[in-house]
Amino acid sequence: MATKKIAGIVGRIAGDMRAELEEGKAAVHRQLERGLHLVLAHNGKGYWRLAMGRKGVYPSSHEIEVCRKAFGLNTDDELWSGERVGKDGVRWMVAEYRWIEC
């Protein structure tokens, strides 16, 4: 799939996820093709988190860049990556941005 088409799809998903959070949810989850999961969360006090992950394999640098742009994050925003183990014992490889919006 062409990069512009993927960016457009992820851009629409990002907009939908933000809209759901504005309705009062604390977190929203979406699963993309190839198993990439996105979680967008905020605490209502300006703190936001975008987690991108999949089972057993880290998101690619291309996937991270497409998501970063789609969610309107800056290139200088800090990216954390690591492993998390779910309640079901599955190992998730996660890349995550955290930021503050005033």
Protein backbone atom coordinates (compact mmCIF):
# COMPACT_ATOMS: atom_id res chain seq x y z
CA MET A 1 0.00 0.00 0.00
CA ALA A 2 1.40 3.44 -0.91
CA THR A 3 2.77 5.60 1.90
CA LYS A 4 0.36 8.48 1.17
CA LYS A 5 -2.61 6.14 1.32
CA ILE A 6 -1.42 4.62 4.61
CA ALA A 7 -0.80 8.10 6.06
CA GLY A 8 -4.33 9.12 5.07
CA ILE A 9 -5.87 6.05 6.70
CA VAL A 10 -3.87 6.51 9.91
CA GLY A 11 -4.70 10.23 9.87
CA ARG A 12 -8.43 9.46 9.80
CA ILE A 13 -8.00 6.91 12.60
CA ALA A 14 -6.07 9.48 14.67
CA GLY A 15 -8.88 12.02 14.22
CA ASP A 16 -11.51 9.46 15.19
CA MET A 17 -9.56 8.44 18.29
CA ARG A 18 -9.15 12.05 19.44
CA ALA A 19 -12.85 12.67 18.88
CA GLU A 20 -13.76 9.69 21.06
CA LEU A 21 -11.53 11.00 23.84
CA GLU A 22 -13.24 14.38 23.62
CA GLU A 23 -16.51 12.56 24.35
CA GLY A 24 -15.15 11.67 27.78
CA LYS A 25 -13.31 8.37 27.37
CA ALA A 26 -9.94 8.02 29.11
CA ALA A 27 -8.41 5.74 26.45
CA VAL A 28 -9.19 4.48 22.95
CA HIS A 29 -7.78 1.39 21.20
CA ARG A 30 -7.51 0.52 17.50
CA GLN A 31 -5.86 -2.37 15.70
CA LEU A 32 -4.35 -1.69 12.30
CA GLU A 33 -3.38 -4.08 9.54
CA ARG A 34 -0.35 -6.28 10.23
CA GLY A 35 -1.20 -6.41 13.92
CA LEU A 36 -0.15 -2.92 15.03
CA HIS A 37 -2.21 -1.73 18.00
CA LEU A 38 -2.67 1.94 18.87
CA VAL A 39 -3.76 3.22 22.26
CA LEU A 40 -4.42 6.93 22.72
CA ALA A 41 -5.07 8.05 26.28
CA HIS A 42 -5.35 11.23 28.30
CA ASN A 43 -6.03 12.02 31.92
CA GLY A 44 -8.17 15.14 31.43
CA LYS A 45 -5.40 17.36 32.81
CA GLY A 46 -3.44 17.82 29.59
CA TYR A 47 -1.29 14.66 29.78
CA TRP A 48 -1.47 12.43 26.69
CA ARG A 49 -0.01 9.06 25.71
CA LEU A 50 0.18 7.32 22.35
CA ALA A 51 1.30 3.69 22.54
CA MET A 52 2.03 1.70 19.38
CA GLY A 53 2.74 -1.98 19.79
CA ARG A 54 2.34 -5.52 18.64
CA LYS A 55 2.87 -8.98 19.95
CA GLY A 56 6.50 -10.08 19.79
CA VAL A 57 7.80 -7.49 17.26
CA TYR A 58 8.49 -3.78 17.67
CA PRO A 59 6.70 -1.31 15.41
CA SER A 60 8.91 -0.34 12.48
CA SER A 61 10.50 3.11 12.29
CA HIS A 62 8.21 3.80 9.31
CA GLU A 63 5.09 2.88 11.31
CA ILE A 64 6.22 5.08 14.19
CA GLU A 65 6.87 8.01 11.85
CA VAL A 66 3.48 7.68 10.13
CA CYS A 67 1.71 7.56 13.51
CA ARG A 68 3.77 10.47 14.88
CA LYS A 69 2.72 12.65 11.95
CA ALA A 70 -0.91 11.47 12.02
CA PHE A 71 -1.27 12.41 15.69
CA GLY A 72 0.47 15.76 15.18
CA LEU A 73 3.51 15.05 17.34
CA ASN A 74 6.83 16.87 16.95
CA THR A 75 10.04 15.22 15.84
CA ASP A 76 11.63 16.28 19.14
CA ASP A 77 8.97 14.57 21.29
CA GLU A 78 10.59 11.82 23.32
CA LEU A 79 9.95 8.25 22.20
CA TRP A 80 10.14 5.41 24.74
CA SER A 81 10.31 1.78 23.67
CA GLY A 82 10.28 -1.40 25.64
CA GLU A 83 8.46 -4.60 26.45
CA ARG A 84 5.29 -5.06 28.41
CA VAL A 85 3.66 -8.30 29.44
CA GLY A 86 -0.12 -8.36 29.23
CA LYS A 87 -2.47 -9.89 31.79
CA ASP A 88 -2.64 -12.94 29.53
CA GLY A 89 1.17 -13.36 29.61
CA VAL A 90 1.66 -12.16 26.03
CA ARG A 91 4.82 -10.09 25.46
CA TRP A 92 4.07 -6.76 23.75
CA MET A 93 6.78 -4.71 22.05
CA VAL A 94 5.79 -1.07 22.50
CA ALA A 95 6.89 2.35 21.30
CA GLU A 96 5.26 5.19 23.19
CA TYR A 97 5.04 8.97 23.14
CA ARG A 98 3.93 11.04 26.14
CA TRP A 99 3.25 14.75 25.93
CA ILE A 100 1.34 17.65 27.45
CA GLU A 101 -1.26 19.73 25.64
CA CYS A 102 -2.41 22.90 27.35
